[in-house]
Protein backbone atom coordinates (compact mmCIF):
# COMPACT_ATOMS: atom_id res chain seq x y z
CA MET A 1 0.83 10.86 -16.70
CA ASN A 2 2.00 7.35 -17.39
CA GLN A 3 3.61 4.89 -14.99
CA GLU A 4 7.14 5.99 -15.85
CA GLN A 5 6.33 9.65 -15.17
CA PHE A 6 4.45 8.79 -11.96
CA THR A 7 7.51 6.89 -10.69
CA ALA A 8 9.89 9.70 -11.68
CA PHE A 9 7.79 12.33 -9.89
CA TRP A 10 6.89 10.12 -6.91
CA PRO A 11 9.04 12.07 -4.39
CA GLN A 12 7.25 15.31 -5.36
CA LEU A 13 3.80 13.69 -5.47
CA LYS A 14 3.61 12.30 -1.94
CA ALA A 15 2.78 15.51 -0.02
CA PRO A 16 0.20 16.85 -2.51
CA LEU A 17 -1.30 13.37 -2.74
CA GLN A 18 -1.88 13.24 1.01
CA ALA A 19 -3.28 16.78 0.95
CA LYS A 20 -5.76 15.85 -1.79
CA TRP A 21 -6.78 12.45 -0.38
CA GLU A 22 -6.60 12.84 3.41
CA LYS A 23 -7.41 9.19 4.16
CA ILE A 24 -4.09 8.11 2.59
CA THR A 25 -1.71 7.12 5.38
CA ASP A 26 2.08 7.02 5.55
CA ALA A 27 1.81 3.22 5.33
CA ASP A 28 -0.23 3.65 2.13
CA LEU A 29 2.50 5.88 0.68
CA ARG A 30 5.09 3.21 1.40
CA GLU A 31 2.83 0.63 -0.28
CA ILE A 32 2.23 2.83 -3.33
CA ASP A 33 5.97 3.54 -3.72
CA GLY A 34 5.60 5.13 -7.15
CA SER A 35 3.10 2.64 -8.61
CA LEU A 36 0.14 4.29 -10.34
CA ALA A 37 -1.84 1.02 -10.28
CA THR A 38 -1.23 0.60 -6.53
CA PHE A 39 -2.21 4.23 -5.96
CA THR A 40 -5.54 3.58 -7.71
CA ALA A 41 -6.05 0.40 -5.63
CA VAL A 42 -5.28 2.21 -2.37
CA LEU A 43 -7.76 4.96 -3.27
CA ALA A 44 -10.39 2.30 -3.96
CA ARG A 45 -9.69 0.71 -0.58
CA ARG A 46 -9.83 4.03 1.30
CA TYR A 47 -12.70 5.68 -0.56
CA GLY A 48 -14.71 2.74 -1.91
CA THR A 49 -14.39 3.71 -5.57
CA THR A 50 -11.46 3.76 -7.94
CA GLN A 51 -11.86 7.42 -8.96
CA ASN A 52 -9.70 6.64 -12.01
CA ASP A 53 -10.64 9.79 -13.91
CA GLU A 54 -9.96 12.04 -10.93
CA VAL A 55 -6.62 10.29 -10.26
CA HIS A 56 -5.44 10.77 -13.83
CA ILE A 57 -6.58 14.39 -14.02
CA TRP A 58 -4.84 15.15 -10.73
CA ALA A 59 -1.63 13.38 -11.78
CA ASN A 60 -1.64 15.07 -15.20
CA ARG A 61 -2.01 18.49 -13.57
CA ARG A 62 1.02 17.84 -11.38
CA HIS A 63 3.10 16.51 -14.27
CA ALA A 64 2.15 19.40 -16.56
CA HIS A 65 3.07 21.91 -13.86
CA TRP A 66 6.45 20.32 -13.07
CA SER A 67 7.37 19.68 -16.69
CA GLY A 68 6.64 23.27 -17.71
CA ARG A 69 3.72 22.27 -19.96
CA TYR A 70 1.10 23.71 -17.65
CA THR A 71 -2.04 24.78 -19.51
CA ASN A 72 -5.51 25.90 -18.51
CA ALA A 73 -6.77 22.40 -19.31
CA TYR A 74 -4.98 21.16 -16.19
CA GLU A 75 -5.78 24.06 -13.88
CA ASP A 76 -6.99 23.12 -10.42
CA PRO A 77 -10.63 24.05 -9.93
CA LYS A 78 -11.22 27.28 -8.05
CA LYS A 79 -12.76 26.92 -4.60
CA VAL A 80 -16.08 28.64 -4.19
CA SER A 81 -16.27 30.75 -1.03
């Protein structure tokens, strides 16, 4: 997902983003406001690392699902019980 796509899907991304990264606050969401670079910076601030690969995989999964191009390559990992 590129910056343009991240901005376009920002309204749909906020809730799943907070579910995935629980340390992200409502104030962080207002700061991010659709900016992929700011999102990465906020994650670095909250979690101590940039997690760039994980961010891009997560965002690409969401975009693929919403755009109808969902493939197994972007499937969420299954939780082990």
